[in-house]
Amino acid sequence: MKNEITCVFTLALGEGKFPAFRDLVARIVRATHLEPDTLSYVYSVSADEKSAHIVERYRTDALVSHVDNTFAPFAETFLSLATISSLTVYGEPDAAIKQRLDPFGAVYMQPFDGFTR
């Protein structure tokens, strides 16, 4: 768990916007796949296509670069198609990470026991 950050976003999708959102996400995923320290980056959608989750897992040093460089060119269009309902962050983010995630209403959960492989 040390040196990794996991983010779980819950999104509300605008009525009828899923096809455009799906196409945009395909582009974001392609760009994110090139980041060597992004460990997992998965989008899921509800059956009615009105809500989605993103589960992202990074080595701690990679998250700021993802937000600033990879996601930034897509942010305006992304936020026109989806509203961030919640963001839960797992791990031990530093001040730079919190600066990027706080505007999304991040709730930070501190690990206290367990393991990851």
C-alpha atoms as a PDB file:
ATOM      1  CA  MET A   1       0.000   0.000   0.000  1.00  0.00           C
ATOM      2  CA  LYS A   2       2.925   2.305   0.673  1.00  0.00           C
ATOM      3  CA  ASN A   3       3.914   4.337  -2.385  1.00  0.00           C
ATOM      4  CA  GLU A   4       0.608   3.672  -4.149  1.00  0.00           C
ATOM      5  CA  ILE A   5      -2.512   5.771  -4.471  1.00  0.00           C
ATOM      6  CA  THR A   6      -5.908   4.405  -5.466  1.00  0.00           C
ATOM      7  CA  CYS A   7      -8.711   6.749  -6.518  1.00  0.00           C
ATOM      8  CA  VAL A   8     -12.342   5.748  -6.944  1.00  0.00           C
ATOM      9  CA  PHE A   9     -14.469   8.305  -8.786  1.00  0.00           C
ATOM     10  CA  THR A  10     -18.253   8.147  -9.006  1.00  0.00           C
ATOM     11  CA  LEU A  11     -19.612  10.050 -11.993  1.00  0.00           C
ATOM     12  CA  ALA A  12     -23.072  11.151 -13.058  1.00  0.00           C
ATOM     13  CA  LEU A  13     -23.468  11.097 -16.826  1.00  0.00           C
ATOM     14  CA  GLY A  14     -25.700  13.527 -18.663  1.00  0.00           C
ATOM     15  CA  GLU A  15     -28.790  12.076 -20.353  1.00  0.00           C
ATOM     16  CA  GLY A  16     -27.805  10.567 -23.686  1.00  0.00           C
ATOM     17  CA  LYS A  17     -24.145  11.535 -23.267  1.00  0.00           C
ATOM     18  CA  PHE A  18     -22.713   8.051 -22.776  1.00  0.00           C
ATOM     19  CA  PRO A  19     -21.765   7.459 -26.450  1.00  0.00           C
ATOM     20  CA  ALA A  20     -19.684  10.658 -26.522  1.00  0.00           C
ATOM     21  CA  PHE A  21     -18.289   9.890 -23.069  1.00  0.00           C
ATOM     22  CA  ARG A  22     -17.330   6.339 -24.123  1.00  0.00           C
ATOM     23  CA  ASP A  23     -15.488   7.712 -27.175  1.00  0.00           C
ATOM     24  CA  LEU A  24     -13.639  10.287 -25.073  1.00  0.00           C
ATOM     25  CA  VAL A  25     -12.725   7.701 -22.456  1.00  0.00           C
ATOM     26  CA  ALA A  26     -11.229   5.465 -25.153  1.00  0.00           C
ATOM     27  CA  ARG A  27      -8.845   8.310 -26.013  1.00  0.00           C
ATOM     28  CA  ILE A  28      -8.012   8.991 -22.353  1.00  0.00           C
ATOM     29  CA  VAL A  29      -7.354   5.301 -21.704  1.00  0.00           C
ATOM     30  CA  ARG A  30      -5.029   5.071 -24.721  1.00  0.00           C
ATOM     31  CA  ALA A  31      -3.035   8.053 -23.448  1.00  0.00           C
ATOM     32  CA  THR A  32      -2.991   6.767 -19.869  1.00  0.00           C
ATOM     33  CA  HIS A  33      -1.837   3.321 -20.989  1.00  0.00           C
ATOM     34  CA  LEU A  34       1.473   4.941 -21.984  1.00  0.00           C
ATOM     35  CA  GLU A  35       2.158   5.994 -18.376  1.00  0.00           C
ATOM     36  CA  PRO A  36       4.514   3.357 -16.938  1.00  0.00           C
ATOM     37  CA  ASP A  37       3.553   3.989 -13.306  1.00  0.00           C
ATOM     38  CA  THR A  38      -0.205   3.883 -13.773  1.00  0.00           C
ATOM     39  CA  LEU A  39      -0.943   0.420 -12.401  1.00  0.00           C
ATOM     40  CA  SER A  40      -4.675   0.197 -13.087  1.00  0.00           C
ATOM     41  CA  TYR A  41      -7.130   2.480 -14.872  1.00  0.00           C
ATOM     42  CA  VAL A  42     -10.631   1.043 -15.278  1.00  0.00           C
ATOM     43  CA  TYR A  43     -13.959   2.644 -16.192  1.00  0.00           C
ATOM     44  CA  SER A  44     -17.307   0.919 -15.474  1.00  0.00           C
ATOM     45  CA  VAL A  45     -20.827   2.064 -16.329  1.00  0.00           C
ATOM     46  CA  SER A  46     -24.260   1.283 -14.898  1.00  0.00           C
ATOM     47  CA  ALA A  47     -26.831  -0.585 -17.004  1.00  0.00           C
ATOM     48  CA  ASP A  48     -28.816   2.620 -17.598  1.00  0.00           C
ATOM     49  CA  GLU A  49     -25.617   4.479 -18.645  1.00  0.00           C
ATOM     50  CA  LYS A  50     -26.329   7.285 -16.172  1.00  0.00           C
ATOM     51  CA  SER A  51     -23.488   6.661 -13.749  1.00  0.00           C
ATOM     52  CA  ALA A  52     -19.920   5.451 -14.025  1.00  0.00           C
ATOM     53  CA  HIS A  53     -16.994   4.635 -11.782  1.00  0.00           C
ATOM     54  CA  ILE A  54     -13.305   5.029 -12.440  1.00  0.00           C
ATOM     55  CA  VAL A  55     -10.847   2.990 -10.391  1.00  0.00           C
ATOM     56  CA  GLU A  56      -7.316   4.319 -10.792  1.00  0.00           C
ATOM     57  CA  ARG A  57      -4.164   3.002  -9.128  1.00  0.00           C
ATOM     58  CA  TYR A  58      -0.811   4.750  -9.383  1.00  0.00           C
ATOM     59  CA  ARG A  59       2.636   4.654  -7.949  1.00  0.00           C
ATOM     60  CA  THR A  60       2.546   7.777  -5.801  1.00  0.00           C
ATOM     61  CA  ASP A  61       4.928   9.752  -8.024  1.00  0.00           C
ATOM     62  CA  ALA A  62       2.786   9.175 -11.149  1.00  0.00           C
ATOM     63  CA  LEU A  63      -0.530  10.727 -10.168  1.00  0.00           C
ATOM     64  CA  VAL A  64       0.464  14.386 -10.499  1.00  0.00           C
ATOM     65  CA  SER A  65       1.871  13.778 -13.977  1.00  0.00           C
ATOM     66  CA  HIS A  66      -1.324  11.980 -14.980  1.00  0.00           C
ATOM     67  CA  VAL A  67      -3.529  14.882 -13.889  1.00  0.00           C
ATOM     68  CA  ASP A  68      -1.261  17.653 -15.233  1.00  0.00           C
ATOM     69  CA  ASN A  69      -0.125  16.096 -18.500  1.00  0.00           C
ATOM     70  CA  THR A  70      -2.278  13.186 -19.609  1.00  0.00           C
ATOM     71  CA  PHE A  71      -5.739  14.123 -18.341  1.00  0.00           C
ATOM     72  CA  ALA A  72      -5.513  17.925 -18.689  1.00  0.00           C
ATOM     73  CA  PRO A  73      -6.088  18.056 -22.473  1.00  0.00           C
ATOM     74  CA  PHE A  74      -9.327  16.069 -22.017  1.00  0.00           C
ATOM     75  CA  ALA A  75     -10.595  17.712 -18.818  1.00  0.00           C
ATOM     76  CA  GLU A  76     -12.925  20.327 -20.279  1.00  0.00           C
ATOM     77  CA  THR A  77     -14.742  17.872 -22.542  1.00  0.00           C
ATOM     78  CA  PHE A  78     -14.788  15.218 -19.811  1.00  0.00           C
ATOM     79  CA  LEU A  79     -16.448  17.599 -17.339  1.00  0.00           C
ATOM     80  CA  SER A  80     -19.012  18.663 -19.964  1.00  0.00           C
ATOM     81  CA  LEU A  81     -20.156  15.033 -20.229  1.00  0.00           C
ATOM     82  CA  ALA A  82     -19.849  13.863 -16.633  1.00  0.00           C
ATOM     83  CA  THR A  83     -20.189  15.338 -13.163  1.00  0.00           C
ATOM     84  CA  ILE A  84     -17.969  14.013 -10.400  1.00  0.00           C
ATOM     85  CA  SER A  85     -20.326  12.910  -7.623  1.00  0.00           C
ATOM     86  CA  SER A  86     -17.619  11.630  -5.304  1.00  0.00           C
ATOM     87  CA  LEU A  87     -13.938  10.805  -5.109  1.00  0.00           C
ATOM     88  CA  THR A  88     -12.427   8.510  -2.498  1.00  0.00           C
ATOM     89  CA  VAL A  89      -8.641   8.346  -2.281  1.00  0.00           C
ATOM     90  CA  TYR A  90      -6.806   5.446  -0.646  1.00  0.00           C
ATOM     91  CA  GLY A  91      -3.151   5.641   0.326  1.00  0.00           C
ATOM     92  CA  GLU A  92      -0.927   8.370   1.674  1.00  0.00           C
ATOM     93  CA  PRO A  93      -1.059  11.281  -0.784  1.00  0.00           C
ATOM     94  CA  ASP A  94       1.391  14.129  -0.439  1.00  0.00           C
ATOM     95  CA  ALA A  95       0.520  17.828  -0.665  1.00  0.00           C
ATOM     96  CA  ALA A  96       1.001  17.937  -4.454  1.00  0.00           C
ATOM     97  CA  ILE A  97      -1.476  15.099  -4.962  1.00  0.00           C
ATOM     98  CA  LYS A  98      -4.004  16.666  -2.584  1.00  0.00           C
ATOM     99  CA  GLN A  99      -3.679  19.957  -4.466  1.00  0.00           C
ATOM    100  CA  ARG A 100      -4.768  18.156  -7.674  1.00  0.00           C
ATOM    101  CA  LEU A 101      -7.536  16.070  -6.080  1.00  0.00           C
ATOM    102  CA  ASP A 102      -9.078  18.490  -3.568  1.00  0.00           C
ATOM    103  CA  PRO A 103     -10.980  20.396  -6.306  1.00  0.00           C
ATOM    104  CA  PHE A 104     -12.845  17.139  -7.072  1.00  0.00           C
ATOM    105  CA  GLY A 105     -14.122  16.899  -3.482  1.00  0.00           C
ATOM    106  CA  ALA A 106     -11.689  14.151  -2.468  1.00  0.00           C
ATOM    107  CA  VAL A 107     -12.241  12.194   0.731  1.00  0.00           C
ATOM    108  CA  TYR A 108      -8.968  10.693   1.961  1.00  0.00           C
ATOM    109  CA  MET A 109      -8.900   7.295   3.617  1.00  0.00           C
ATOM    110  CA  GLN A 110      -5.762   6.417   5.596  1.00  0.00           C
ATOM    111  CA  PRO A 111      -4.668   2.786   5.513  1.00  0.00           C
ATOM    112  CA  PHE A 112      -4.238   1.167   8.901  1.00  0.00           C
ATOM    113  CA  ASP A 113      -4.022  -2.572   8.162  1.00  0.00           C
ATOM    114  CA  GLY A 114      -3.994  -5.034   5.284  1.00  0.00           C
ATOM    115  CA  PHE A 115      -1.862  -5.797   2.264  1.00  0.00           C
ATOM    116  CA  THR A 116      -1.747  -5.638  -1.494  1.00  0.00           C
ATOM    117  CA  ARG A 117       0.186  -7.863  -3.872  1.00  0.00           C
END
